[in-house]
Amino acid sequence: MNSSSLRRHSLTLSALVGVAAVLASCSGNTDTKSTKKATTVVAQPGTASTAESRIAYVDIDSLETHYVYFKDKKADFARRQEAMESELQRSAAQLQSEVAAYQKKGQNGGFASQTEVEAAGRRLQQMEQSLATRREALANTLLKDQDAFNKEIQKRLDDFLEGYVKDKPYDYVLSYSKNGSILYANKALDITQDVIEGMNAQLKDAAPKR
């Protein structure tokens, strides 16, 4: 083993709380939701008649910026990731120090026997494996928690829209973002502010009373 092996321990944890990724799953459910006032006409299957469908949309970029729960959770993930990276950096630095000491001792003839050399090498290999295992465990934990959060955000949005559309004649609610598949959106169809205000109000209502 030599110090170049430490390059394999460079941290690979990346930002796991991308807003678009968290809410992308919501856009896949547009066939069950509803929206704002403009209308479009679509042909009924197997008939010559038409039916009016009312479509609205939620701007995901704005929702990610202004939905308080999402912002708080994103900040929490960032703090956790920073702590994980700090832990891994400390362990990698310790391993690097041990490797340097091993090499120096070997160059200076400090090992009493080949058996001692091999024992020291095995110890370094175990430290390296332990670091790799810990790094993988931390990354998997963060990914698992992110997946759970993705599902929670989708459920919160789904539940809110289910209630939101009950007193409104909407048939579809689409998701919109600058890099999404919808290239143009009429501002008259934008219900984002209503959704943000409503979901933030739910947070206040659910907060423990002091």
Protein backbone atom coordinates (compact mmCIF):
# COMPACT_ATOMS: atom_id res chain seq x y z
CA MET A 1 0.00 0.00 0.00
CA ASN A 2 1.21 3.54 -0.66
CA SER A 3 -0.14 7.04 -0.27
CA SER A 4 -1.59 7.02 -3.78
CA SER A 5 -4.20 4.56 -2.57
CA LEU A 6 -5.71 7.39 -0.55
CA ARG A 7 -7.01 8.94 -3.74
CA ARG A 8 -9.68 6.28 -3.73
CA HIS A 9 -10.98 7.84 -0.52
CA SER A 10 -11.82 11.21 -2.02
CA LEU A 11 -15.35 12.02 -0.96
CA THR A 12 -18.01 11.20 -3.46
CA LEU A 13 -21.04 12.39 -1.51
CA SER A 14 -22.80 15.02 -3.62
CA ALA A 15 -25.79 17.29 -2.92
CA LEU A 16 -28.67 14.86 -2.59
CA VAL A 17 -31.47 17.31 -2.07
CA GLY A 18 -31.91 18.81 -5.51
CA VAL A 19 -35.24 20.49 -5.56
CA ALA A 20 -36.23 19.45 -9.03
CA ALA A 21 -35.39 15.81 -8.25
CA VAL A 22 -37.42 15.86 -5.05
CA LEU A 23 -40.51 17.17 -6.80
CA ALA A 24 -40.06 15.52 -10.21
CA SER A 25 -42.22 12.61 -9.14
CA CYS A 26 -45.10 15.01 -8.61
CA SER A 27 -45.11 15.90 -12.29
CA GLY A 28 -45.81 12.28 -13.16
CA ASN A 29 -49.20 12.45 -11.46
CA THR A 30 -50.71 15.19 -13.55
CA ASP A 31 -53.53 12.98 -14.77
CA THR A 32 -55.16 12.95 -11.33
CA LYS A 33 -54.96 16.60 -10.31
CA SER A 34 -56.58 19.94 -11.26
CA THR A 35 -55.74 23.61 -12.07
CA LYS A 36 -56.61 27.24 -12.80
CA LYS A 37 -58.98 29.09 -15.04
CA ALA A 38 -58.03 28.78 -18.71
CA THR A 39 -59.62 25.90 -20.60
CA THR A 40 -58.77 23.59 -23.45
CA VAL A 41 -61.01 21.41 -25.62
CA VAL A 42 -60.22 17.73 -26.08
CA ALA A 43 -62.03 15.10 -28.12
CA GLN A 44 -63.75 12.30 -26.26
CA PRO A 45 -62.45 8.87 -27.34
CA GLY A 46 -64.71 7.19 -29.89
CA THR A 47 -67.04 10.17 -30.31
CA ALA A 48 -67.25 13.31 -32.37
CA SER A 49 -68.17 15.40 -29.32
CA THR A 50 -65.78 17.43 -27.22
CA ALA A 51 -65.36 17.96 -23.51
CA GLU A 52 -63.88 20.94 -21.74
CA SER A 53 -60.88 20.29 -19.50
CA ARG A 54 -59.58 22.98 -17.17
CA ILE A 55 -55.84 23.00 -16.65
CA ALA A 56 -53.64 24.78 -14.11
CA TYR A 57 -50.02 24.40 -13.07
CA VAL A 58 -47.65 24.74 -10.13
CA ASP A 59 -44.27 26.37 -10.72
CA ILE A 60 -41.88 23.93 -9.05
CA ASP A 61 -39.03 26.46 -8.97
CA SER A 62 -41.15 28.85 -6.92
CA LEU A 63 -42.50 26.08 -4.70
CA GLU A 64 -38.99 24.91 -3.85
CA THR A 65 -38.00 28.47 -2.96
CA HIS A 66 -40.97 29.42 -0.82
CA TYR A 67 -42.36 26.26 0.75
CA VAL A 68 -40.99 26.54 4.28
CA TYR A 69 -40.97 22.82 5.07
CA PHE A 70 -38.97 22.04 1.97
CA LYS A 71 -36.41 24.77 2.69
CA ASP A 72 -35.98 23.58 6.28
CA LYS A 73 -35.57 19.97 5.22
CA LYS A 74 -33.08 20.94 2.51
CA ALA A 75 -31.00 22.83 5.08
CA ASP A 76 -31.13 19.80 7.41
CA PHE A 77 -29.85 17.52 4.66
CA ALA A 78 -27.05 19.96 3.91
CA ARG A 79 -25.99 19.99 7.58
CA ARG A 80 -26.03 16.21 7.74
CA GLN A 81 -24.01 15.90 4.57
CA GLU A 82 -21.44 18.36 5.88
CA ALA A 83 -21.10 16.36 9.10
CA MET A 84 -20.67 13.13 7.14
CA GLU A 85 -18.02 14.66 4.92
CA SER A 86 -16.14 16.00 7.94
CA GLU A 87 -16.13 12.56 9.55
CA LEU A 88 -14.84 10.92 6.37
CA GLN A 89 -12.18 13.58 5.91
CA ARG A 90 -10.91 13.00 9.46
CA SER A 91 -10.76 9.25 8.90
CA ALA A 92 -9.01 9.68 5.54
CA ALA A 93 -6.48 12.05 7.11
CA GLN A 94 -5.76 9.51 9.86
CA LEU A 95 -5.29 6.77 7.28
CA GLN A 96 -2.98 8.96 5.24
CA SER A 97 -0.91 9.67 8.34
CA GLU A 98 -0.69 5.95 9.11
CA VAL A 99 0.38 5.17 5.55
CA ALA A 100 3.08 7.85 5.66
CA ALA A 101 4.40 6.47 8.96
CA TYR A 102 4.39 2.93 7.54
CA GLN A 103 6.36 3.99 4.48
CA LYS A 104 8.84 6.03 6.50
CA LYS A 105 9.43 3.16 8.92
CA GLY A 106 9.98 0.78 6.04
CA GLN A 107 12.44 3.10 4.31
CA ASN A 108 14.42 3.53 7.54
CA GLY A 109 14.56 -0.18 8.26
CA GLY A 110 12.39 0.21 11.31
CA PHE A 111 10.58 -3.11 10.98
CA ALA A 112 12.17 -5.95 12.93
CA SER A 113 10.96 -8.66 10.57
CA GLN A 114 8.92 -9.40 7.47
CA THR A 115 6.18 -10.62 9.76
CA GLU A 116 5.97 -7.17 11.34
CA VAL A 117 5.88 -5.55 7.89
CA GLU A 118 3.01 -7.78 6.83
CA ALA A 119 1.10 -7.19 10.07
CA ALA A 120 1.38 -3.44 9.65
CA GLY A 121 0.25 -3.72 6.05
CA ARG A 122 -2.80 -5.76 7.03
CA ARG A 123 -3.70 -3.16 9.65
CA LEU A 124 -3.61 -0.41 7.02
CA GLN A 125 -5.74 -2.51 4.67
CA GLN A 126 -8.28 -3.00 7.43
CA MET A 127 -8.37 0.75 8.09
CA GLU A 128 -8.87 1.36 4.38
CA GLN A 129 -11.69 -1.16 4.17
CA SER A 130 -13.31 0.27 7.29
CA LEU A 131 -13.27 3.74 5.76
CA ALA A 132 -14.78 2.48 2.51
CA THR A 133 -17.52 0.63 4.42
CA ARG A 134 -18.33 3.66 6.54
CA ARG A 135 -18.45 5.92 3.49
CA GLU A 136 -20.87 3.56 1.76
CA ALA A 137 -23.05 3.27 4.86
CA LEU A 138 -23.30 7.04 5.28
CA ALA A 139 -24.15 7.55 1.61
CA ASN A 140 -26.79 4.82 1.70
CA THR A 141 -28.37 6.31 4.81
CA LEU A 142 -28.60 9.73 3.20
CA LEU A 143 -30.03 8.27 -0.02
CA LYS A 144 -32.61 6.26 1.93
CA ASP A 145 -33.67 9.34 3.89
CA GLN A 146 -33.87 11.38 0.70
CA ASP A 147 -36.09 8.78 -0.92
CA ALA A 148 -38.40 8.88 2.10
CA PHE A 149 -38.45 12.67 1.89
CA ASN A 150 -39.28 12.55 -1.83
CA LYS A 151 -42.31 10.41 -1.04
CA GLU A 152 -43.32 12.65 1.84
CA ILE A 153 -43.15 15.80 -0.30
CA GLN A 154 -45.20 14.16 -3.03
CA LYS A 155 -47.82 13.05 -0.51
CA ARG A 156 -47.99 16.52 1.04
CA LEU A 157 -48.52 18.08 -2.38
CA ASP A 158 -51.02 15.41 -3.43
CA ASP A 159 -53.01 15.78 -0.22
CA PHE A 160 -53.07 19.56 -0.46
CA LEU A 161 -54.24 19.57 -4.08
CA GLU A 162 -56.94 17.01 -3.32
CA GLY A 163 -58.43 19.47 -0.85
CA TYR A 164 -57.61 22.55 -2.90
CA VAL A 165 -59.58 21.48 -5.97
CA LYS A 166 -62.72 20.37 -4.12
CA ASP A 167 -64.35 23.79 -4.44
CA LYS A 168 -62.77 24.59 -7.82
CA PRO A 169 -63.79 23.23 -11.25
CA TYR A 170 -60.33 22.02 -12.25
CA ASP A 171 -59.51 18.80 -14.04
CA TYR A 172 -55.70 18.78 -14.26
CA VAL A 173 -52.80 20.25 -12.30
CA LEU A 174 -49.45 20.17 -14.10
CA SER A 175 -45.97 20.84 -12.78
CA TYR A 176 -43.90 23.51 -14.51
CA SER A 177 -40.20 24.33 -14.33
CA LYS A 178 -37.80 26.20 -16.59
CA ASN A 179 -36.02 23.00 -17.59
CA GLY A 180 -39.15 20.87 -17.80
CA SER A 181 -41.07 19.50 -20.78
CA ILE A 182 -43.63 22.35 -20.77
CA LEU A 183 -42.08 25.05 -22.95
CA TYR A 184 -44.72 27.72 -22.37
CA ALA A 185 -47.22 28.34 -19.58
CA ASN A 186 -49.98 30.94 -19.53
CA LYS A 187 -49.71 32.95 -16.31
CA ALA A 188 -53.51 32.86 -16.01
CA LEU A 189 -53.19 29.15 -15.21
CA ASP A 190 -50.64 29.63 -12.44
CA ILE A 191 -51.91 28.51 -9.02
CA THR A 192 -48.44 28.38 -7.45
CA GLN A 193 -48.98 31.19 -4.98
CA ASP A 194 -52.20 29.64 -3.73
CA VAL A 195 -50.42 26.31 -3.24
CA ILE A 196 -47.43 27.85 -1.45
CA GLU A 197 -49.59 29.93 0.88
CA GLY A 198 -51.92 27.01 1.56
CA MET A 199 -49.16 24.50 2.29
CA ASN A 200 -47.28 26.96 4.51
CA ALA A 201 -50.51 27.68 6.36
CA GLN A 202 -50.92 23.96 7.01
CA LEU A 203 -47.46 23.95 8.63
CA LYS A 204 -48.50 26.75 10.99
CA ASP A 205 -51.73 24.98 11.87
CA ALA A 206 -49.85 21.75 12.60
CA ALA A 207 -47.12 23.42 14.69
CA PRO A 208 -47.30 22.75 18.46
CA LYS A 209 -48.99 25.56 20.34
CA ARG A 210 -46.80 27.33 22.88
